[in-house]
PDB file of N, CA and C in Angstrom:
ATOM      1  N   MET A   1     107.306 -32.735 -41.506  1.00  0.00           N
ATOM      2  CA  MET A   1     108.595 -33.283 -41.437  1.00  0.00           C
ATOM      3  C   MET A   1     109.617 -32.243 -41.859  1.00  0.00           C
ATOM      4  N   ALA A   2     110.623 -32.246 -41.176  1.00  0.00           N
ATOM      5  CA  ALA A   2     111.641 -31.229 -41.375  1.00  0.00           C
ATOM      6  C   ALA A   2     112.399 -31.458 -42.667  1.00  0.00           C
ATOM      7  N   GLY A   3     112.593 -30.346 -43.382  1.00  0.00           N
ATOM      8  CA  GLY A   3     113.365 -30.425 -44.617  1.00  0.00           C
ATOM      9  C   GLY A   3     114.847 -30.336 -44.315  1.00  0.00           C
ATOM     10  N   LYS A   4     115.641 -30.579 -45.312  1.00  0.00           N
ATOM     11  CA  LYS A   4     117.088 -30.504 -45.125  1.00  0.00           C
ATOM     12  C   LYS A   4     117.529 -29.050 -45.037  1.00  0.00           C
ATOM     13  N   LYS A   5     118.487 -28.793 -44.199  1.00  0.00           N
ATOM     14  CA  LYS A   5     119.053 -27.441 -44.085  1.00  0.00           C
ATOM     15  C   LYS A   5     119.990 -27.199 -45.254  1.00  0.00           C
ATOM     16  N   GLN A   6     119.849 -26.012 -45.850  1.00  0.00           N
ATOM     17  CA  GLN A   6     120.710 -25.683 -46.977  1.00  0.00           C
ATOM     18  C   GLN A   6     121.982 -25.018 -46.465  1.00  0.00           C
ATOM     19  N   SER A   7     123.044 -25.358 -47.052  1.00  0.00           N
ATOM     20  CA  SER A   7     124.309 -24.757 -46.638  1.00  0.00           C
ATOM     21  C   SER A   7     124.445 -23.375 -47.274  1.00  0.00           C
ATOM     22  N   ARG A   8     125.234 -22.545 -46.661  1.00  0.00           N
ATOM     23  CA  ARG A   8     125.431 -21.165 -47.129  1.00  0.00           C
ATOM     24  C   ARG A   8     126.676 -21.032 -47.998  1.00  0.00           C
ATOM     25  N   ARG A   9     127.202 -22.081 -48.477  1.00  0.00           N
ATOM     26  CA  ARG A   9     128.434 -22.008 -49.253  1.00  0.00           C
ATOM     27  C   ARG A   9     128.223 -21.269 -50.574  1.00  0.00           C
ATOM     28  N   GLY A  10     127.116 -21.478 -51.246  1.00  0.00           N
ATOM     29  CA  GLY A  10     126.896 -20.873 -52.543  1.00  0.00           C
ATOM     30  C   GLY A  10     126.317 -19.459 -52.464  1.00  0.00           C
ATOM     31  N   LYS A  11     125.790 -19.045 -51.317  1.00  0.00           N
ATOM     32  CA  LYS A  11     125.158 -17.740 -51.186  1.00  0.00           C
ATOM     33  C   LYS A  11     126.188 -16.697 -50.753  1.00  0.00           C
ATOM     34  N   LYS A  12     126.073 -15.534 -51.379  1.00  0.00           N
ATOM     35  CA  LYS A  12     126.939 -14.426 -50.990  1.00  0.00           C
ATOM     36  C   LYS A  12     126.124 -13.469 -50.128  1.00  0.00           C
ATOM     37  N   THR A  13     126.678 -13.054 -49.059  1.00  0.00           N
ATOM     38  CA  THR A  13     126.011 -12.079 -48.193  1.00  0.00           C
ATOM     39  C   THR A  13     126.764 -10.758 -48.259  1.00  0.00           C
ATOM     40  N   PHE A  14     126.012  -9.688 -48.172  1.00  0.00           N
ATOM     41  CA  PHE A  14     126.594  -8.359 -48.183  1.00  0.00           C
ATOM     42  C   PHE A  14     126.410  -7.743 -46.815  1.00  0.00           C
ATOM     43  N   ARG A  15     127.396  -7.011 -46.389  1.00  0.00           N
ATOM     44  CA  ARG A  15     127.334  -6.357 -45.097  1.00  0.00           C
ATOM     45  C   ARG A  15     127.769  -4.906 -45.269  1.00  0.00           C
ATOM     46  N   PHE A  16     126.930  -4.001 -44.791  1.00  0.00           N
ATOM     47  CA  PHE A  16     127.251  -2.577 -44.838  1.00  0.00           C
ATOM     48  C   PHE A  16     127.713  -2.151 -43.459  1.00  0.00           C
ATOM     49  N   GLN A  17     128.837  -1.513 -43.408  1.00  0.00           N
ATOM     50  CA  GLN A  17     129.366  -1.032 -42.145  1.00  0.00           C
ATOM     51  C   GLN A  17     129.582   0.465 -42.254  1.00  0.00           C
ATOM     52  N   LEU A  18     128.984   1.199 -41.335  1.00  0.00           N
ATOM     53  CA  LEU A  18     129.132   2.652 -41.309  1.00  0.00           C
ATOM     54  C   LEU A  18     129.714   3.079 -39.977  1.00  0.00           C
ATOM     55  N   SER A  19     130.551   4.078 -40.046  1.00  0.00           N
ATOM     56  CA  SER A  19     131.067   4.649 -38.804  1.00  0.00           C
ATOM     57  C   SER A  19     130.017   5.586 -38.218  1.00  0.00           C
ATOM     58  N   LEU A  20     130.278   6.111 -37.054  1.00  0.00           N
ATOM     59  CA  LEU A  20     129.357   7.044 -36.416  1.00  0.00           C
ATOM     60  C   LEU A  20     129.204   8.306 -37.261  1.00  0.00           C
ATOM     61  N   ALA A  21     130.275   8.753 -37.899  1.00  0.00           N
ATOM     62  CA  ALA A  21     130.206   9.929 -38.780  1.00  0.00           C
ATOM     63  C   ALA A  21     129.345   9.631 -40.011  1.00  0.00           C
ATOM     64  N   GLY A  22     129.420   8.421 -40.534  1.00  0.00           N
ATOM     65  CA  GLY A  22     128.589   8.043 -41.673  1.00  0.00           C
ATOM     66  C   GLY A  22     127.110   8.025 -41.323  1.00  0.00           C
ATOM     67  N   VAL A  23     126.777   7.477 -40.155  1.00  0.00           N
ATOM     68  CA  VAL A  23     125.389   7.457 -39.702  1.00  0.00           C
ATOM     69  C   VAL A  23     124.896   8.885 -39.470  1.00  0.00           C
ATOM     70  N   ALA A  24     125.735   9.727 -38.884  1.00  0.00           N
ATOM     71  CA  ALA A  24     125.353  11.127 -38.651  1.00  0.00           C
ATOM     72  C   ALA A  24     125.165  11.859 -39.984  1.00  0.00           C
ATOM     73  N   GLY A  25     126.008  11.596 -40.953  1.00  0.00           N
ATOM     74  CA  GLY A  25     125.878  12.223 -42.268  1.00  0.00           C
ATOM     75  C   GLY A  25     124.580  11.825 -42.958  1.00  0.00           C
ATOM     76  N   ILE A  26     124.242  10.545 -42.897  1.00  0.00           N
ATOM     77  CA  ILE A  26     122.978  10.095 -43.478  1.00  0.00           C
ATOM     78  C   ILE A  26     121.809  10.719 -42.736  1.00  0.00           C
ATOM     79  N   GLY A  27     121.921  10.864 -41.432  1.00  0.00           N
ATOM     80  CA  GLY A  27     120.863  11.514 -40.654  1.00  0.00           C
ATOM     81  C   GLY A  27     120.674  12.969 -41.046  1.00  0.00           C
ATOM     82  N   VAL A  28     121.764  13.682 -41.264  1.00  0.00           N
ATOM     83  CA  VAL A  28     121.672  15.094 -41.668  1.00  0.00           C
ATOM     84  C   VAL A  28     121.043  15.212 -43.051  1.00  0.00           C
ATOM     85  N   VAL A  29     121.436  14.354 -43.962  1.00  0.00           N
ATOM     86  CA  VAL A  29     120.874  14.380 -45.318  1.00  0.00           C
ATOM     87  C   VAL A  29     119.380  14.074 -45.267  1.00  0.00           C
ATOM     88  N   CYS A  30     118.977  13.077 -44.495  1.00  0.00           N
ATOM     89  CA  CYS A  30     117.548  12.746 -44.372  1.00  0.00           C
ATOM     90  C   CYS A  30     116.776  13.900 -43.736  1.00  0.00           C
ATOM     91  N   PHE A  31     117.350  14.541 -42.721  1.00  0.00           N
ATOM     92  CA  PHE A  31     116.683  15.674 -42.089  1.00  0.00           C
ATOM     93  C   PHE A  31     116.480  16.806 -43.099  1.00  0.00           C
ATOM     94  N   CYS A  32     117.497  17.102 -43.894  1.00  0.00           N
ATOM     95  CA  CYS A  32     117.373  18.169 -44.902  1.00  0.00           C
ATOM     96  C   CYS A  32     116.326  17.817 -45.951  1.00  0.00           C
ATOM     97  N   LEU A  33     116.287  16.561 -46.377  1.00  0.00           N
ATOM     98  CA  LEU A  33     115.278  16.152 -47.352  1.00  0.00           C
ATOM     99  C   LEU A  33     113.871  16.272 -46.780  1.00  0.00           C
ATOM    100  N   PHE A  34     113.675  15.816 -45.539  1.00  0.00           N
ATOM    101  CA  PHE A  34     112.349  15.907 -44.927  1.00  0.00           C
ATOM    102  C   PHE A  34     111.955  17.361 -44.699  1.00  0.00           C
ATOM    103  N   LEU A  35     112.895  18.212 -44.315  1.00  0.00           N
ATOM    104  CA  LEU A  35     112.598  19.631 -44.136  1.00  0.00           C
ATOM    105  C   LEU A  35     112.208  20.266 -45.465  1.00  0.00           C
ATOM    106  N   TRP A  36     112.921  19.936 -46.528  1.00  0.00           N
ATOM    107  CA  TRP A  36     112.610  20.470 -47.847  1.00  0.00           C
ATOM    108  C   TRP A  36     111.215  20.022 -48.278  1.00  0.00           C
ATOM    109  N   MET A  37     110.886  18.756 -48.072  1.00  0.00           N
ATOM    110  CA  MET A  37     109.567  18.257 -48.459  1.00  0.00           C
ATOM    111  C   MET A  37     108.476  18.921 -47.623  1.00  0.00           C
ATOM    112  N   PHE A  38     108.728  19.169 -46.351  1.00  0.00           N
ATOM    113  CA  PHE A  38     107.751  19.842 -45.489  1.00  0.00           C
ATOM    114  C   PHE A  38     107.499  21.264 -45.990  1.00  0.00           C
ATOM    115  N   LEU A  39     108.565  21.998 -46.271  1.00  0.00           N
ATOM    116  CA  LEU A  39     108.404  23.371 -46.754  1.00  0.00           C
ATOM    117  C   LEU A  39     107.746  23.405 -48.125  1.00  0.00           C
ATOM    118  N   LEU A  40     108.082  22.454 -48.981  1.00  0.00           N
ATOM    119  CA  LEU A  40     107.438  22.374 -50.285  1.00  0.00           C
ATOM    120  C   LEU A  40     105.950  22.064 -50.136  1.00  0.00           C
ATOM    121  N   GLY A  41     105.600  21.227 -49.182  1.00  0.00           N
ATOM    122  CA  GLY A  41     104.196  20.918 -48.922  1.00  0.00           C
ATOM    123  C   GLY A  41     103.436  22.115 -48.386  1.00  0.00           C
ATOM    124  N   ILE A  42     104.063  22.893 -47.506  1.00  0.00           N
ATOM    125  CA  ILE A  42     103.424  24.108 -46.989  1.00  0.00           C
ATOM    126  C   ILE A  42     103.188  25.084 -48.134  1.00  0.00           C
ATOM    127  N   TRP A  43     104.178  25.263 -48.984  1.00  0.00           N
ATOM    128  CA  TRP A  43     104.045  26.190 -50.119  1.00  0.00           C
ATOM    129  C   TRP A  43     102.946  25.723 -51.071  1.00  0.00           C
ATOM    130  N   ALA A  44     102.930  24.442 -51.382  1.00  0.00           N
ATOM    131  CA  ALA A  44     101.916  23.918 -52.308  1.00  0.00           C
ATOM    132  C   ALA A  44     100.529  24.039 -51.692  1.00  0.00           C
ATOM    133  N   GLY A  45     100.404  23.783 -50.402  1.00  0.00           N
ATOM    134  CA  GLY A  45      99.113  23.909 -49.738  1.00  0.00           C
ATOM    135  C   GLY A  45      98.609  25.338 -49.741  1.00  0.00           C
ATOM    136  N   GLN A  46      99.494  26.283 -49.509  1.00  0.00           N
ATOM    137  CA  GLN A  46      99.090  27.683 -49.535  1.00  0.00           C
ATOM    138  C   GLN A  46      98.692  28.097 -50.947  1.00  0.00           C
ATOM    139  N   THR A  47      99.388  27.581 -51.944  1.00  0.00           N
ATOM    140  CA  THR A  47      99.079  27.924 -53.324  1.00  0.00           C
ATOM    141  C   THR A  47      97.723  27.348 -53.729  1.00  0.00           C
ATOM    142  N   ILE A  48      97.420  26.143 -53.290  1.00  0.00           N
ATOM    143  CA  ILE A  48      96.145  25.516 -53.639  1.00  0.00           C
ATOM    144  C   ILE A  48      95.001  26.201 -52.908  1.00  0.00           C
ATOM    145  N   LEU A  49      95.191  26.494 -51.619  1.00  0.00           N
ATOM    146  CA  LEU A  49      94.111  27.082 -50.825  1.00  0.00           C
ATOM    147  C   LEU A  49      93.901  28.554 -51.138  1.00  0.00           C
ATOM    148  N   LEU A  50      94.944  29.260 -51.515  1.00  0.00           N
ATOM    149  CA  LEU A  50      94.845  30.693 -51.766  1.00  0.00           C
ATOM    150  C   LEU A  50      95.549  31.020 -53.076  1.00  0.00           C
ATOM    151  N   PRO A  51      94.865  30.905 -54.207  1.00  0.00           N
ATOM    152  CA  PRO A  51      95.509  31.217 -55.491  1.00  0.00           C
ATOM    153  C   PRO A  51      95.929  32.681 -55.571  1.00  0.00           C
ATOM    154  N   ALA A  52      96.853  32.978 -56.459  1.00  0.00           N
ATOM    155  CA  ALA A  52      97.368  34.342 -56.614  1.00  0.00           C
ATOM    156  C   ALA A  52      96.243  35.276 -57.031  1.00  0.00           C
ATOM    157  N   GLY A  53      96.254  36.482 -56.492  1.00  0.00           N
ATOM    158  CA  GLY A  53      95.268  37.488 -56.840  1.00  0.00           C
ATOM    159  C   GLY A  53      94.025  37.450 -55.966  1.00  0.00           C
ATOM    160  N   THR A  54      93.968  36.559 -54.999  1.00  0.00           N
ATOM    161  CA  THR A  54      92.811  36.474 -54.117  1.00  0.00           C
ATOM    162  C   THR A  54      93.053  37.350 -52.902  1.00  0.00           C
ATOM    163  N   ALA A  55      92.063  38.126 -52.534  1.00  0.00           N
ATOM    164  CA  ALA A  55      92.198  39.017 -51.383  1.00  0.00           C
ATOM    165  C   ALA A  55      92.031  38.219 -50.089  1.00  0.00           C
ATOM    166  N   VAL A  56      92.712  38.665 -49.046  1.00  0.00           N
ATOM    167  CA  VAL A  56      92.614  38.033 -47.736  1.00  0.00           C
ATOM    168  C   VAL A  56      91.833  38.957 -46.827  1.00  0.00           C
ATOM    169  N   HIS A  57      90.807  38.435 -46.182  1.00  0.00           N
ATOM    170  CA  HIS A  57      89.992  39.222 -45.266  1.00  0.00           C
ATOM    171  C   HIS A  57      90.164  38.668 -43.860  1.00  0.00           C
ATOM    172  N   SER A  58      90.230  39.576 -42.881  1.00  0.00           N
ATOM    173  CA  SER A  58      90.443  39.137 -41.509  1.00  0.00           C
ATOM    174  C   SER A  58      89.159  38.709 -40.829  1.00  0.00           C
ATOM    175  N   GLY A  59      88.021  39.065 -41.356  1.00  0.00           N
ATOM    176  CA  GLY A  59      86.756  38.697 -40.731  1.00  0.00           C
ATOM    177  C   GLY A  59      86.239  39.775 -39.801  1.00  0.00           C
ATOM    178  N   ARG A  60      87.096  40.693 -39.366  1.00  0.00           N
ATOM    179  CA  ARG A  60      86.672  41.776 -38.487  1.00  0.00           C
ATOM    180  C   ARG A  60      86.162  42.974 -39.273  1.00  0.00           C
ATOM    181  N   ALA A  61      86.567  43.088 -40.515  1.00  0.00           N
ATOM    182  CA  ALA A  61      86.153  44.231 -41.318  1.00  0.00           C
ATOM    183  C   ALA A  61      84.694  44.058 -41.729  1.00  0.00           C
ATOM    184  N   LYS A  62      83.975  45.154 -41.730  1.00  0.00           N
ATOM    185  CA  LYS A  62      82.585  45.122 -42.157  1.00  0.00           C
ATOM    186  C   LYS A  62      82.521  45.342 -43.656  1.00  0.00           C
ATOM    187  N   ALA A  63      81.473  44.831 -44.253  1.00  0.00           N
ATOM    188  CA  ALA A  63      81.294  45.010 -45.694  1.00  0.00           C
ATOM    189  C   ALA A  63      81.120  46.486 -45.998  1.00  0.00           C
ATOM    190  N   GLY A  64      81.812  46.957 -47.011  1.00  0.00           N
ATOM    191  CA  GLY A  64      81.730  48.359 -47.410  1.00  0.00           C
ATOM    192  C   GLY A  64      82.638  49.266 -46.599  1.00  0.00           C
ATOM    193  N   GLY A  65      83.395  48.725 -45.668  1.00  0.00           N
ATOM    194  CA  GLY A  65      84.301  49.532 -44.854  1.00  0.00           C
ATOM    195  C   GLY A  65      85.567  49.851 -45.624  1.00  0.00           C
ATOM    196  N   PRO A  66      86.430  50.676 -45.040  1.00  0.00           N
ATOM    197  CA  PRO A  66      87.679  51.029 -45.732  1.00  0.00           C
ATOM    198  C   PRO A  66      88.601  49.812 -45.851  1.00  0.00           C
ATOM    199  N   VAL A  67      89.333  49.770 -46.931  1.00  0.00           N
ATOM    200  CA  VAL A  67      90.256  48.676 -47.196  1.00  0.00           C
ATOM    201  C   VAL A  67      91.641  49.103 -46.752  1.00  0.00           C
ATOM    202  N   GLN A  68      92.323  48.235 -45.995  1.00  0.00           N
ATOM    203  CA  GLN A  68      93.674  48.545 -45.564  1.00  0.00           C
ATOM    204  C   GLN A  68      94.647  48.177 -46.676  1.00  0.00           C
ATOM    205  N   ASN A  69      95.601  49.063 -46.928  1.00  0.00           N
ATOM    206  CA  ASN A  69      96.635  48.792 -47.904  1.00  0.00           C
ATOM    207  C   ASN A  69      97.814  48.168 -47.177  1.00  0.00           C
ATOM    208  N   LEU A  70      98.276  47.005 -47.634  1.00  0.00           N
ATOM    209  CA  LEU A  70      99.357  46.304 -46.961  1.00  0.00           C
ATOM    210  C   LEU A  70     100.737  46.677 -47.469  1.00  0.00           C
ATOM    211  N   VAL A  71     100.820  47.584 -48.440  1.00  0.00           N
ATOM    212  CA  VAL A  71     102.105  48.039 -48.957  1.00  0.00           C
ATOM    213  C   VAL A  71     102.653  49.087 -47.996  1.00  0.00           C
ATOM    214  N   PRO A  72     103.908  48.953 -47.565  1.00  0.00           N
ATOM    215  CA  PRO A  72     104.471  49.945 -46.649  1.00  0.00           C
ATOM    216  C   PRO A  72     104.458  51.345 -47.252  1.00  0.00           C
ATOM    217  N   ALA A  73     104.387  52.334 -46.386  1.00  0.00           N
ATOM    218  CA  ALA A  73     104.305  53.730 -46.830  1.00  0.00           C
ATOM    219  C   ALA A  73     105.549  54.149 -47.614  1.00  0.00           C
ATOM    220  N   ALA A  74     106.703  53.580 -47.303  1.00  0.00           N
ATOM    221  CA  ALA A  74     107.940  53.963 -47.987  1.00  0.00           C
ATOM    222  C   ALA A  74     107.929  53.518 -49.447  1.00  0.00           C
ATOM    223  N   ARG A  75     107.148  52.536 -49.795  1.00  0.00           N
ATOM    224  CA  ARG A  75     107.150  52.034 -51.159  1.00  0.00           C
ATOM    225  C   ARG A  75     106.024  52.631 -52.001  1.00  0.00           C
ATOM    226  N   LYS A  76     105.133  53.400 -51.388  1.00  0.00           N
ATOM    227  CA  LYS A  76     104.040  53.997 -52.121  1.00  0.00           C
ATOM    228  C   LYS A  76     104.547  55.167 -52.971  1.00  0.00           C
ATOM    229  N   LYS A  77     103.930  55.351 -54.105  1.00  0.00           N
ATOM    230  CA  LYS A  77     104.256  56.514 -54.930  1.00  0.00           C
ATOM    231  C   LYS A  77     103.467  57.715 -54.388  1.00  0.00           C
ATOM    232  N   PRO A  78     104.102  58.873 -54.305  1.00  0.00           N
ATOM    233  CA  PRO A  78     103.367  60.049 -53.822  1.00  0.00           C
ATOM    234  C   PRO A  78     102.288  60.476 -54.824  1.00  0.00           C
ATOM    235  N   ALA A  79     101.212  60.978 -54.295  1.00  0.00           N
ATOM    236  CA  ALA A  79     100.105  61.434 -55.147  1.00  0.00           C
ATOM    237  C   ALA A  79     100.526  62.706 -55.870  1.00  0.00           C
ATOM    238  N   ARG A  80     100.155  62.816 -57.149  1.00  0.00           N
ATOM    239  CA  ARG A  80     100.487  64.003 -57.917  1.00  0.00           C
ATOM    240  C   ARG A  80      99.468  65.097 -57.600  1.00  0.00           C
ATOM    241  N   PRO A  81      99.921  66.293 -57.362  1.00  0.00           N
ATOM    242  CA  PRO A  81      98.963  67.377 -57.114  1.00  0.00           C
ATOM    243  C   PRO A  81      98.198  67.733 -58.388  1.00  0.00           C
ATOM    244  N   THR A  82      96.938  68.001 -58.226  1.00  0.00           N
ATOM    245  CA  THR A  82      96.127  68.359 -59.396  1.00  0.00           C
ATOM    246  C   THR A  82      96.177  69.883 -59.579  1.00  0.00           C
ATOM    247  N   THR A  83      96.337  70.274 -60.799  1.00  0.00           N
ATOM    248  CA  THR A  83      96.361  71.711 -61.092  1.00  0.00           C
ATOM    249  C   THR A  83      94.981  72.106 -61.621  1.00  0.00           C
ATOM    250  N   GLY A  84      94.508  73.230 -61.158  1.00  0.00           N
ATOM    251  CA  GLY A  84      93.152  73.562 -61.449  1.00  0.00           C
ATOM    252  C   GLY A  84      92.874  74.540 -62.441  1.00  0.00           C
TER     253      GLY A  84
END
């Protein structure tokens, strides 16, 4: 059996109205937040999977082979000549 309908006289309703610029602003803020969280997740994942001080191997190098130095030549210190 149907109950009585309640009137809306005592209830207050709220209505949010945004202009197109307001919706676009909220969209830009949400995009920046999601981008920040994505980049933070990539950084955290790399930190967890590859802790600092761990060497990276390409898989093509053979064991006991020469090690490539990844520091550019311009930043290397020159070797001191040995006097005999």
